[in-house]
Protein backbone atom coordinates (compact mmCIF):
# COMPACT_ATOMS: atom_id res chain seq x y z
CA MET A 1 -20.24 0.71 -22.70
CA TRP A 2 -18.75 3.39 -24.82
CA GLU A 3 -19.85 5.37 -21.67
CA ALA A 4 -18.12 3.61 -19.81
CA ILE A 5 -14.66 3.75 -21.53
CA SER A 6 -15.33 7.13 -22.13
CA ALA A 7 -16.45 7.37 -17.58
CA ASN A 8 -12.87 5.27 -17.37
CA GLN A 9 -10.52 7.95 -19.54
CA ARG A 10 -11.97 11.08 -16.99
CA ARG A 11 -11.43 8.79 -14.25
CA SER A 12 -7.92 7.71 -15.51
CA ALA A 13 -6.83 11.64 -16.43
CA LEU A 14 -7.79 12.25 -12.59
CA LEU A 15 -5.71 9.21 -12.09
CA ILE A 16 -2.94 10.42 -12.90
CA ALA A 17 -3.41 14.58 -11.60
CA SER A 18 -3.90 12.92 -8.18
CA LEU A 19 -0.30 10.31 -8.03
CA ALA A 20 1.06 13.91 -9.91
CA ALA A 21 -0.17 16.05 -7.38
CA LEU A 22 1.17 12.93 -4.72
CA LEU A 23 3.89 12.53 -5.75
CA ALA A 24 4.54 17.01 -5.41
CA ILE A 25 3.57 16.58 -2.09
CA LEU A 26 5.50 13.71 -1.63
CA GLY A 27 8.72 15.67 -2.49
CA MET A 28 7.70 18.45 -0.56
CA ALA A 29 7.82 17.13 2.59
CA ILE A 30 10.64 14.77 1.61
CA GLY A 31 12.36 17.82 0.86
CA PHE A 32 11.27 19.26 5.11
CA LEU A 33 12.30 16.74 6.65
CA MET A 34 15.60 16.98 5.21
CA GLY A 35 15.86 21.27 5.35
CA GLY A 36 12.36 21.64 7.86
CA ARG A 37 12.37 25.02 5.92
CA PRO A 38 10.14 25.59 3.06
CA GLN A 39 12.73 27.12 0.54
CA THR A 40 14.11 23.15 1.32
CA ALA A 41 10.57 21.76 0.45
CA TYR A 42 9.64 23.09 -2.83
CA PHE A 43 13.31 22.24 -3.63
CA GLY A 44 11.82 18.64 -2.65
CA ALA A 45 8.92 18.94 -4.96
CA PHE A 46 11.26 20.11 -7.88
CA VAL A 47 13.47 17.44 -7.18
CA GLY A 48 10.27 14.91 -7.77
CA ILE A 49 9.43 15.79 -10.87
CA CYS A 50 12.59 16.35 -12.39
CA ILE A 51 12.65 12.48 -11.20
CA TRP A 52 9.43 11.87 -12.77
CA GLY A 53 9.93 13.52 -16.00
CA VAL A 54 13.40 11.48 -16.33
CA LEU A 55 11.31 7.87 -16.20
CA LEU A 56 8.16 9.76 -18.57
CA LEU A 57 11.16 10.89 -21.23
CA VAL A 58 12.64 7.22 -21.28
CA ASN A 59 9.36 5.95 -22.29
CA LEU A 60 8.15 7.76 -24.18
CA MET A 61 11.72 7.51 -26.00
CA GLY A 62 11.41 3.83 -25.99
CA GLY A 63 9.57 2.04 -23.33
CA GLU A 64 7.57 -0.43 -25.62
CA SER A 65 11.13 -2.31 -26.22
CA VAL A 66 12.08 -1.84 -22.33
CA LEU A 67 8.92 -3.67 -21.49
CA LEU A 68 9.41 -6.31 -24.57
CA SER A 69 13.16 -6.49 -23.68
CA SER A 70 12.19 -7.23 -19.49
CA ALA A 71 9.88 -9.83 -20.90
CA ASN A 72 12.57 -12.03 -23.14
CA ALA A 73 10.22 -10.84 -26.05
CA ARG A 74 11.33 -11.56 -29.72
CA GLU A 75 9.62 -10.02 -32.77
CA VAL A 76 8.30 -12.49 -35.49
CA ALA A 77 7.50 -12.29 -38.97
CA HIS A 78 4.53 -13.69 -40.48
CA ASP A 79 6.43 -16.78 -41.77
CA GLU A 80 7.12 -17.46 -37.88
CA ALA A 81 3.45 -16.89 -37.30
CA PRO A 82 0.84 -17.65 -39.54
CA GLN A 83 -1.89 -18.33 -37.64
CA LEU A 84 -1.21 -15.67 -34.94
CA TYR A 85 -0.10 -12.86 -37.47
CA ASN A 86 -3.50 -13.44 -39.27
CA VAL A 87 -5.61 -13.42 -35.99
CA VAL A 88 -3.97 -10.10 -34.96
CA GLU A 89 -5.13 -8.30 -38.54
CA GLU A 90 -8.64 -9.54 -37.98
CA MET A 91 -7.96 -7.81 -34.70
CA ARG A 92 -6.90 -4.95 -35.68
CA ILE A 93 -9.48 -4.06 -38.46
CA ALA A 94 -12.31 -5.00 -36.05
CA ALA A 95 -10.49 -2.48 -33.17
CA ALA A 96 -10.17 -0.56 -35.90
CA LEU A 97 -6.94 0.16 -35.18
CA PRO A 98 -4.29 2.44 -37.93
CA ALA A 99 -1.60 0.63 -37.94
CA MET A 100 -0.91 -3.54 -37.51
CA PRO A 101 0.15 -4.17 -34.09
CA ARG A 102 4.21 -5.18 -34.00
CA VAL A 103 4.05 -9.05 -32.98
CA PHE A 104 6.18 -10.92 -30.29
CA ILE A 105 6.67 -14.62 -29.01
CA ILE A 106 7.71 -15.02 -25.54
CA ASP A 107 9.77 -18.69 -25.53
CA THR A 108 7.57 -19.95 -22.41
CA PRO A 109 5.56 -23.32 -22.26
CA VAL A 110 3.06 -20.89 -19.83
CA PRO A 111 -0.01 -19.16 -22.36
CA ASN A 112 -0.15 -15.70 -21.66
CA ALA A 113 0.14 -12.68 -23.57
CA PHE A 114 0.08 -9.03 -22.94
CA ALA A 115 -0.01 -5.28 -25.08
CA VAL A 116 1.95 -2.42 -24.75
CA GLY A 117 1.93 1.52 -27.09
CA LEU A 118 1.97 4.74 -25.98
CA ASN A 119 -0.76 4.79 -28.89
CA PRO A 120 -2.37 2.48 -31.23
CA GLU A 121 0.59 3.54 -34.36
CA ARG A 122 3.44 2.15 -31.97
CA ALA A 123 1.45 -0.58 -30.44
CA CYS A 124 2.59 -3.77 -29.85
CA VAL A 125 1.44 -7.65 -28.80
CA ALA A 126 2.58 -10.79 -27.15
CA VAL A 127 2.44 -13.67 -27.15
CA THR A 128 3.94 -17.02 -24.91
CA ALA A 129 5.13 -19.95 -27.34
CA GLY A 130 2.73 -21.81 -25.03
CA LEU A 131 -0.84 -19.09 -25.43
CA LEU A 132 -0.38 -20.78 -29.03
CA GLU A 133 0.12 -24.68 -28.20
CA ARG A 134 -3.25 -24.69 -25.73
CA LEU A 135 -5.45 -22.43 -26.68
CA SER A 136 -8.08 -23.02 -29.98
CA ARG A 137 -7.77 -20.09 -33.20
CA ASP A 138 -11.90 -18.94 -31.16
CA GLU A 139 -9.66 -18.74 -28.04
CA LEU A 140 -6.77 -17.09 -29.66
CA GLN A 141 -8.72 -14.52 -31.54
CA GLY A 142 -10.44 -13.92 -27.51
CA VAL A 143 -7.14 -12.93 -25.92
CA ILE A 144 -5.82 -10.97 -29.08
CA ALA A 145 -8.98 -9.34 -29.17
CA HIS A 146 -8.45 -8.83 -25.04
CA GLU A 147 -4.85 -7.20 -25.64
CA LEU A 148 -5.74 -5.16 -28.44
CA GLY A 149 -8.88 -3.63 -26.66
CA HIS A 150 -6.19 -2.36 -24.20
CA VAL A 151 -4.59 -0.51 -26.81
CA SER A 152 -7.67 1.17 -28.67
CA ASN A 153 -9.64 2.11 -25.24
CA ARG A 154 -5.99 3.71 -24.51
CA ASP A 155 -5.11 1.59 -21.17
CA THR A 156 -1.80 0.64 -22.15
CA LEU A 157 -0.96 4.83 -22.56
CA PHE A 158 -2.79 5.10 -18.78
CA MET A 159 -0.44 2.14 -17.96
CA THR A 160 2.26 3.60 -18.94
CA LEU A 161 2.15 6.99 -17.10
CA ALA A 162 0.51 5.51 -14.06
CA GLY A 163 3.34 2.82 -13.30
CA VAL A 164 5.73 6.14 -14.92
CA THR A 165 4.52 8.22 -12.06
CA LEU A 166 3.76 4.82 -9.14
CA GLY A 167 7.44 4.14 -10.35
CA ALA A 168 8.23 8.05 -8.75
CA ILE A 169 6.76 8.30 -6.21
CA VAL A 170 8.67 5.07 -4.69
CA LEU A 171 11.94 5.96 -5.76
CA LEU A 172 11.32 9.42 -3.92
CA ALA A 173 9.79 7.89 -1.28
CA ASP A 174 12.97 5.37 -0.76
CA ALA A 175 15.94 7.81 -1.67
CA GLY A 176 14.33 10.11 1.10
CA MET A 177 13.31 7.33 3.94
CA ARG A 178 17.44 6.20 3.37
CA MET A 179 18.61 9.73 3.23
CA MET A 180 16.52 9.62 6.64
CA PHE A 181 17.99 6.97 8.04
CA TRP A 182 21.61 7.92 7.34
CA GLY A 183 21.05 11.08 10.00
CA GLY A 184 20.11 14.09 7.98
CA GLY A 185 16.91 14.42 8.94
CA GLY A 186 17.44 13.58 12.40
CA ARG A 187 20.25 16.53 12.31
CA ARG A 188 17.80 18.86 11.76
CA ARG A 189 15.32 17.94 13.97
CA SER A 190 17.37 17.78 16.92
CA SER A 191 17.85 21.62 15.89
CA SER A 192 13.77 22.19 15.70
CA SER A 193 13.90 20.38 19.45
CA GLY A 194 15.83 22.51 20.76
CA LYS A 195 13.76 25.63 19.27
CA GLY A 196 11.49 24.95 21.11
CA GLY A 197 9.01 24.44 17.49
CA GLY A 198 6.72 22.37 18.70
CA GLY A 199 5.03 23.28 15.20
CA ALA A 200 8.11 21.96 12.92
CA ALA A 201 7.90 18.66 14.69
CA ILE A 202 4.20 18.60 14.56
CA LEU A 203 4.78 18.86 10.56
CA MET A 204 7.77 16.59 10.55
CA ILE A 205 5.96 13.85 11.87
CA ALA A 206 3.72 14.01 9.39
CA ALA A 207 6.01 14.35 6.81
CA LEU A 208 7.05 11.54 7.57
CA VAL A 209 3.98 9.09 7.90
CA LEU A 210 3.62 10.96 4.11
CA ALA A 211 6.88 9.35 3.24
CA ILE A 212 5.94 5.95 4.63
CA LEU A 213 2.58 5.93 3.25
CA ALA A 214 2.39 7.65 -0.24
CA PRO A 215 3.96 4.52 -1.94
CA LEU A 216 0.98 2.23 -0.41
CA ILE A 217 -1.75 4.95 -1.50
CA ALA A 218 -0.38 5.30 -5.13
CA ARG A 219 -0.44 1.83 -5.32
CA LEU A 220 -3.70 1.35 -4.22
CA LEU A 221 -4.68 3.85 -6.86
CA TYR A 222 -3.46 2.48 -9.64
CA PHE A 223 -4.21 -0.94 -8.80
CA ALA A 224 -8.27 -0.43 -8.66
CA CYS A 225 -8.22 1.06 -12.09
CA SER A 226 -6.70 -1.37 -13.83
CA ARG A 227 -9.23 -4.19 -12.39
CA GLN A 228 -12.05 -1.95 -14.14
CA ARG A 229 -9.57 -1.84 -17.27
CA GLU A 230 -9.88 -5.69 -17.67
CA TYR A 231 -13.49 -5.51 -17.38
CA LEU A 232 -13.49 -3.09 -20.35
CA ALA A 233 -11.10 -5.03 -22.08
CA ASP A 234 -13.28 -7.73 -22.23
CA ALA A 235 -15.73 -6.60 -22.78
CA SER A 236 -14.30 -4.94 -25.89
CA ALA A 237 -12.93 -8.41 -27.08
CA ALA A 238 -16.64 -9.95 -26.69
CA GLN A 239 -17.47 -7.17 -29.31
CA TYR A 240 -14.74 -7.21 -31.87
CA THR A 241 -14.87 -11.49 -32.00
CA ARG A 242 -19.14 -11.86 -31.52
CA TYR A 243 -18.11 -14.41 -29.28
CA PRO A 244 -17.57 -13.73 -25.79
CA ALA A 245 -17.80 -17.54 -24.65
CA GLY A 246 -13.87 -17.85 -26.79
CA LEU A 247 -12.13 -15.11 -24.09
CA ALA A 248 -13.75 -16.72 -21.38
CA HIS A 249 -13.15 -20.76 -22.25
CA ALA A 250 -9.15 -18.64 -23.30
CA LEU A 251 -9.18 -17.38 -19.32
CA ARG A 252 -9.90 -20.56 -18.04
CA LYS A 253 -7.23 -22.12 -18.73
CA ILE A 254 -4.21 -19.63 -18.89
CA ALA A 255 -5.89 -19.53 -15.09
CA LEU A 256 -5.07 -23.10 -14.44
CA GLN A 257 -1.54 -23.19 -16.00
CA GLN A 258 0.22 -19.72 -14.70
CA ASP A 259 3.78 -20.73 -13.46
CA PRO A 260 5.98 -17.39 -12.19
CA LYS A 261 9.39 -19.71 -12.31
CA LYS A 262 8.26 -20.50 -16.04
CA ILE A 263 7.93 -17.04 -17.23
CA PRO A 264 10.12 -14.10 -17.58
CA VAL A 265 7.39 -11.21 -15.44
CA ASN A 266 8.68 -8.64 -12.66
CA ARG A 267 6.16 -6.82 -11.44
CA VAL A 268 6.34 -3.67 -13.46
CA VAL A 269 5.01 -6.26 -16.36
CA ALA A 270 2.98 -8.55 -14.65
CA PRO A 271 -0.24 -6.17 -14.40
CA MET A 272 -0.41 -5.61 -18.29
CA TYR A 273 -0.60 -9.57 -18.79
CA ALA A 274 -4.12 -11.24 -19.41
CA VAL A 275 -3.94 -13.15 -16.04
CA ASN A 276 -1.42 -11.40 -13.89
CA PRO A 277 1.16 -14.84 -13.48
CA LEU A 278 1.71 -13.59 -10.03
CA ALA A 279 -1.64 -13.79 -8.91
CA ALA A 280 -2.82 -16.14 -11.36
CA ARG A 281 -6.93 -16.55 -10.59
CA GLY A 282 -7.07 -12.54 -9.89
CA SER A 283 -7.90 -10.91 -6.84
CA SER A 284 -10.92 -9.22 -4.84
CA SER A 285 -8.39 -7.87 -2.41
CA VAL A 286 -7.98 -3.66 -2.53
CA PHE A 287 -4.11 -5.23 -3.83
CA GLY A 288 -5.51 -7.12 -6.72
CA THR A 289 -4.62 -6.04 -10.10
CA HIS A 290 -7.07 -7.97 -12.05
CA PRO A 291 -10.46 -8.80 -10.47
CA PRO A 292 -10.95 -12.48 -10.09
CA THR A 293 -10.86 -14.92 -12.64
CA GLU A 294 -14.15 -16.58 -12.15
CA GLU A 295 -16.24 -13.66 -11.81
CA ARG A 296 -14.79 -12.40 -15.59
CA ILE A 297 -15.27 -15.61 -16.73
CA ARG A 298 -19.09 -15.07 -15.46
CA ARG A 299 -19.49 -11.88 -17.00
CA LEU A 300 -17.97 -13.01 -20.77
CA LEU A 301 -20.43 -16.23 -20.52
CA GLU A 302 -23.31 -14.03 -19.46
CA MET A 303 -22.52 -11.90 -22.92
CA GLN A 304 -22.74 -14.99 -24.88
CA GLY A 305 -26.12 -16.20 -23.32
CA ALA A 306 -24.11 -19.39 -20.95
CA ALA A 307 -23.98 -20.58 -17.25
CA PRO A 308 -21.06 -20.74 -15.69
CA PRO A 309 -19.74 -24.10 -16.16
CA VAL A 310 -19.46 -26.20 -12.66
CA ASP A 311 -15.51 -26.17 -13.37
CA ALA A 312 -15.27 -23.17 -13.71
CA VAL A 313 -11.35 -21.38 -12.46
């Protein structure tokens, strides 16, 4: 498993570099669309990097608070949720994290959980009230171990960096398309056509296609790596708890009881949950942020040495 985690971290670094390169190229394409000259293309790349830098700075300074606030999570003390605190502490020790994560509760009957934190010292775990009500202690251990597995494997850092870069790409592409429709690019294209620049027209078309496709390409890269991380976090949870079936049973309960209308969730936070509330059963498509829940359960039960139950998700 350690080799898989290391390989995934290398792929993560490559993915972040690929997203950053895509952001710069997209900026150049939009700059060229607006001005039709190399100077404007370089300026577009500069603007793209500036957008990325601002978003990254915001997340470095308090990204956890923003995400937790968007989920309506409130921090709780030990006396308010002693069993939850004890389970988090046990799994923190098992995961060898250097500090006790901050603990949050989301007041919704829908069972689920997620973790955030740019590093293990800043880790936060948020669980819903429904999770505490519906899961046994072994199942709760499995979910908490899964979330701390994300922290230990540095998935939360990756998700932040990848999410920020993806957000910058989407913002830049949206801004570029709006400027195009407002007429700035159209005037430049007509000017280029008047000069008989066939090569420039081809470059304009290529830049426009890139501006349209870049957000989709970025999302596909982001989702593909996110799915692999869920399997690794499941494997980490099995190692920490020594009871893979606990997480398997918890995943089944969580997946069957998701209701996006009853849980505060947006498309930024949704991929961070143990089970995506917007696609509870997981998805085998290229757009799925999580692997199919039944496949996760099957793998966990195989670790336990049990056959998948007939009522699997």
